[in-house]
Amino acid sequence: MKRTFLCKHVGIYKPNKTAEQQNKTSYRVNCLWHININKNCEGMYEVTTFVNEHRGHTLNPQTVHFSP
């Protein structure tokens, strides 16, 4: 079983070409942060990939207290 966790700022914004979408902003700024976790055959969880680099946005330390 593999799980991947991504920063909510991952990816690049691809605007919709309609007029009402033109003035909207996006939080997608191509952040690289992600972690892959696998469950091995012994039932233990292993971190297989960890990219600890946030890009294009600031981090709020209070997120630790308020994020689900």
C-alpha atoms as a PDB file:
ATOM      1  CA  MET A   1       0.000   0.000   0.000  1.00  0.00           C
ATOM      2  CA  LYS A   2       1.482   3.342  -1.075  1.00  0.00           C
ATOM      3  CA  ARG A   3       0.401   6.792   0.048  1.00  0.00           C
ATOM      4  CA  THR A   4       1.608  10.102  -1.327  1.00  0.00           C
ATOM      5  CA  PHE A   5       1.150  13.378   0.525  1.00  0.00           C
ATOM      6  CA  LEU A   6       1.568  16.624  -1.409  1.00  0.00           C
ATOM      7  CA  CYS A   7       1.712  20.280  -0.494  1.00  0.00           C
ATOM      8  CA  LYS A   8      -1.527  22.027  -1.457  1.00  0.00           C
ATOM      9  CA  HIS A   9       0.572  24.378  -3.611  1.00  0.00           C
ATOM     10  CA  VAL A  10       1.786  21.585  -5.912  1.00  0.00           C
ATOM     11  CA  GLY A  11       1.351  21.933  -9.666  1.00  0.00           C
ATOM     12  CA  ILE A  12       1.023  24.804 -12.060  1.00  0.00           C
ATOM     13  CA  TYR A  13      -2.167  26.783 -12.554  1.00  0.00           C
ATOM     14  CA  LYS A  14      -3.740  26.232 -15.966  1.00  0.00           C
ATOM     15  CA  PRO A  15      -6.239  29.027 -16.519  1.00  0.00           C
ATOM     16  CA  ASN A  16      -9.595  28.401 -18.096  1.00  0.00           C
ATOM     17  CA  LYS A  17     -10.009  30.598 -21.161  1.00  0.00           C
ATOM     18  CA  THR A  18     -13.462  31.903 -20.210  1.00  0.00           C
ATOM     19  CA  ALA A  19     -13.787  35.611 -19.412  1.00  0.00           C
ATOM     20  CA  GLU A  20     -15.064  35.087 -15.860  1.00  0.00           C
ATOM     21  CA  GLN A  21     -12.015  32.985 -14.981  1.00  0.00           C
ATOM     22  CA  GLN A  22      -9.474  35.550 -16.219  1.00  0.00           C
ATOM     23  CA  ASN A  23      -9.187  37.564 -12.986  1.00  0.00           C
ATOM     24  CA  LYS A  24      -8.975  34.664 -10.522  1.00  0.00           C
ATOM     25  CA  THR A  25      -5.758  33.745  -8.745  1.00  0.00           C
ATOM     26  CA  SER A  26      -4.484  30.307  -7.849  1.00  0.00           C
ATOM     27  CA  TYR A  27      -2.494  28.905  -4.965  1.00  0.00           C
ATOM     28  CA  ARG A  28      -0.725  26.438  -7.296  1.00  0.00           C
ATOM     29  CA  VAL A  29       2.854  27.674  -7.522  1.00  0.00           C
ATOM     30  CA  ASN A  30       4.720  24.472  -8.453  1.00  0.00           C
ATOM     31  CA  CYS A  31       5.830  23.622  -4.905  1.00  0.00           C
ATOM     32  CA  LEU A  32       8.026  20.508  -4.808  1.00  0.00           C
ATOM     33  CA  TRP A  33       7.257  19.240  -1.273  1.00  0.00           C
ATOM     34  CA  HIS A  34       5.966  15.655  -1.139  1.00  0.00           C
ATOM     35  CA  ILE A  35       6.400  12.419   0.767  1.00  0.00           C
ATOM     36  CA  ASN A  36       5.791   8.811  -0.313  1.00  0.00           C
ATOM     37  CA  ILE A  37       5.073   6.164   2.331  1.00  0.00           C
ATOM     38  CA  ASN A  38       4.873   2.432   1.626  1.00  0.00           C
ATOM     39  CA  LYS A  39       3.723  -0.441   3.816  1.00  0.00           C
ATOM     40  CA  ASN A  40       6.175  -3.327   3.476  1.00  0.00           C
ATOM     41  CA  CYS A  41       5.463  -7.064   3.738  1.00  0.00           C
ATOM     42  CA  GLU A  42       6.096  -7.029   7.529  1.00  0.00           C
ATOM     43  CA  GLY A  43       3.392  -4.403   8.001  1.00  0.00           C
ATOM     44  CA  MET A  44       5.849  -1.616   8.763  1.00  0.00           C
ATOM     45  CA  TYR A  45       5.568   1.796   7.129  1.00  0.00           C
ATOM     46  CA  GLU A  46       8.599   3.157   5.296  1.00  0.00           C
ATOM     47  CA  VAL A  47       9.259   6.607   3.893  1.00  0.00           C
ATOM     48  CA  THR A  48      10.505   5.939   0.373  1.00  0.00           C
ATOM     49  CA  THR A  49      10.664   9.519  -0.942  1.00  0.00           C
ATOM     50  CA  PHE A  50      10.817  12.807   0.934  1.00  0.00           C
ATOM     51  CA  VAL A  51      11.342  16.125  -0.833  1.00  0.00           C
ATOM     52  CA  ASN A  52      11.474  18.762   1.897  1.00  0.00           C
ATOM     53  CA  GLU A  53      11.553  21.839  -0.345  1.00  0.00           C
ATOM     54  CA  HIS A  54       8.700  24.336  -0.397  1.00  0.00           C
ATOM     55  CA  ARG A  55       8.796  26.774  -3.299  1.00  0.00           C
ATOM     56  CA  GLY A  56       6.778  29.846  -4.188  1.00  0.00           C
ATOM     57  CA  HIS A  57       4.875  30.309  -0.912  1.00  0.00           C
ATOM     58  CA  THR A  58       5.466  30.993   2.750  1.00  0.00           C
ATOM     59  CA  LEU A  59       4.840  28.579   5.596  1.00  0.00           C
ATOM     60  CA  ASN A  60       2.744  29.547   8.587  1.00  0.00           C
ATOM     61  CA  PRO A  61       3.971  27.901  11.838  1.00  0.00           C
ATOM     62  CA  GLN A  62       0.424  27.943  13.279  1.00  0.00           C
ATOM     63  CA  THR A  63      -0.685  25.470  10.604  1.00  0.00           C
ATOM     64  CA  VAL A  64       0.570  22.711  12.899  1.00  0.00           C
ATOM     65  CA  HIS A  65      -2.108  23.624  15.424  1.00  0.00           C
ATOM     66  CA  PHE A  66      -5.068  24.178  13.092  1.00  0.00           C
ATOM     67  CA  SER A  67      -4.714  21.833  10.123  1.00  0.00           C
ATOM     68  CA  PRO A  68      -6.612  18.539  10.230  1.00  0.00           C
END
